[in-house]
Protein backbone atom coordinates (compact mmCIF):
# COMPACT_ATOMS: atom_id res chain seq x y z
CA MET A 1 34.77 52.34 -57.66
CA GLU A 2 31.68 54.39 -56.83
CA LYS A 3 28.54 53.73 -58.87
CA VAL A 4 26.34 56.44 -60.38
CA MET A 5 22.97 55.79 -61.99
CA VAL A 6 21.90 58.22 -64.70
CA ILE A 7 18.19 58.27 -65.59
CA ASP A 8 17.34 60.28 -68.68
CA SER A 9 15.33 59.58 -71.82
CA ASP A 10 17.99 61.48 -73.80
CA THR A 11 20.69 58.92 -74.63
CA HIS A 12 23.00 61.75 -75.74
CA GLN A 13 22.98 63.19 -72.20
CA ILE A 14 23.67 59.76 -70.69
CA ARG A 15 26.62 59.30 -73.07
CA ILE A 16 28.09 62.72 -72.26
CA LEU A 17 27.83 62.10 -68.53
CA SER A 18 29.22 58.59 -68.86
CA GLU A 19 32.22 59.82 -70.82
CA GLY A 20 32.86 62.65 -68.38
CA LEU A 21 32.56 60.54 -65.25
CA SER A 22 33.88 57.16 -66.39
CA ASN A 23 37.42 57.70 -65.06
CA ASP A 24 36.18 58.00 -61.49
CA TYR A 25 32.80 56.26 -61.47
CA HIS A 26 31.07 53.22 -62.85
CA ILE A 27 28.00 54.54 -64.73
CA LEU A 28 24.69 52.80 -65.35
CA GLY A 29 22.37 54.60 -67.78
CA CYS A 30 18.62 54.08 -67.80
CA THR A 31 16.32 55.62 -70.41
CA ARG A 32 12.98 54.26 -69.20
CA GLY A 33 11.37 55.35 -65.99
CA THR A 34 9.49 52.08 -65.68
CA LYS A 35 12.82 50.25 -65.18
CA ALA A 36 14.44 52.88 -62.97
CA MET A 37 13.35 51.63 -59.54
CA GLU A 38 14.04 48.01 -60.43
CA LEU A 39 17.54 48.88 -61.63
CA PHE A 40 18.11 51.15 -58.63
CA GLN A 41 17.41 48.27 -56.25
CA ILE A 42 19.71 45.91 -58.15
CA TYR A 43 22.55 48.36 -58.91
CA ARG A 44 22.60 50.16 -55.50
CA PRO A 45 24.29 53.35 -56.76
CA SER A 46 26.27 55.82 -54.67
CA ALA A 47 24.48 58.73 -56.39
CA LEU A 48 21.63 59.40 -58.82
CA VAL A 49 21.56 61.85 -61.70
CA LEU A 50 18.11 62.11 -63.21
CA ASP A 51 15.83 64.16 -65.36
CA PRO A 52 12.58 64.15 -63.37
CA ALA A 53 10.69 64.50 -66.68
CA THR A 54 12.14 61.29 -68.17
CA SER A 55 9.50 59.40 -70.12
CA GLU A 56 7.52 56.93 -68.04
CA LEU A 57 9.05 58.36 -64.84
CA ASN A 58 7.04 60.15 -62.20
CA GLY A 59 10.02 62.00 -60.72
CA LYS A 60 8.21 62.86 -57.50
CA GLU A 61 7.12 59.26 -56.88
CA PHE A 62 10.50 57.84 -57.86
CA ILE A 63 12.38 60.13 -55.47
CA ARG A 64 9.85 59.33 -52.72
CA GLN A 65 10.47 55.60 -53.27
CA VAL A 66 14.24 56.06 -53.29
CA ARG A 67 14.12 58.09 -50.07
CA SER A 68 11.91 55.45 -48.41
CA VAL A 69 14.53 52.67 -48.59
CA PRO A 70 17.46 52.71 -46.13
CA SER A 71 20.11 52.91 -48.86
CA GLY A 72 18.35 55.91 -50.44
CA ARG A 73 17.85 58.14 -47.41
CA ARG A 74 21.22 59.86 -47.68
CA LEU A 75 21.88 59.17 -51.34
CA PRO A 76 22.87 62.29 -53.30
CA ILE A 77 20.27 63.00 -55.99
CA LEU A 78 21.14 65.45 -58.75
CA ALA A 79 18.43 66.70 -61.11
CA LEU A 80 19.43 67.34 -64.70
CA THR A 81 16.68 69.43 -66.26
CA PRO A 82 16.04 72.02 -68.95
CA ILE A 83 13.58 73.81 -66.64
CA THR A 84 15.28 76.08 -64.13
CA THR A 85 12.61 78.54 -63.04
CA LEU A 86 12.63 79.49 -59.37
CA ARG A 87 9.37 77.57 -58.82
CA HIS A 88 10.80 74.45 -60.47
CA ILE A 89 13.98 74.67 -58.40
CA GLU A 90 12.00 75.01 -55.17
CA ASP A 91 9.73 72.11 -56.12
CA SER A 92 12.76 69.93 -56.91
CA PHE A 93 14.36 70.62 -53.54
CA ASP A 94 11.02 69.89 -51.84
CA LEU A 95 11.03 66.49 -53.60
CA GLY A 96 14.38 65.60 -52.08
CA VAL A 97 16.77 66.61 -54.86
CA ASP A 98 20.15 67.77 -53.51
CA MET A 99 21.46 69.67 -56.54
CA ILE A 100 20.06 70.91 -59.86
CA PHE A 101 21.96 71.18 -63.12
CA SER A 102 20.70 72.77 -66.30
CA LYS A 103 20.44 70.79 -69.54
CA PRO A 104 22.02 70.34 -71.94
CA CYS A 105 25.19 69.35 -70.13
CA SER A 106 27.20 69.36 -73.36
């Protein structure tokens, strides 16, 4: 079963995604940015879903770190964010995000 890591300080969003994806994917939720890279290296997910503005998470630095390791170079990264201005979307793609979804996902 494929593994997806969801990084978001909003536990409600993690729960919704986990419930929606649990039939096809094994989900690991992380609410603290300070643990995200450590868990990423241990869990080795097939995809990431993250809110770049998660507390204690520098989204730009985290994505840079993920993209710098061999297993993260081609890893799909999906941003889940309440901010969807054109500038924000362009900045997210420049960071290495593959897709952007608007919050809330409920």
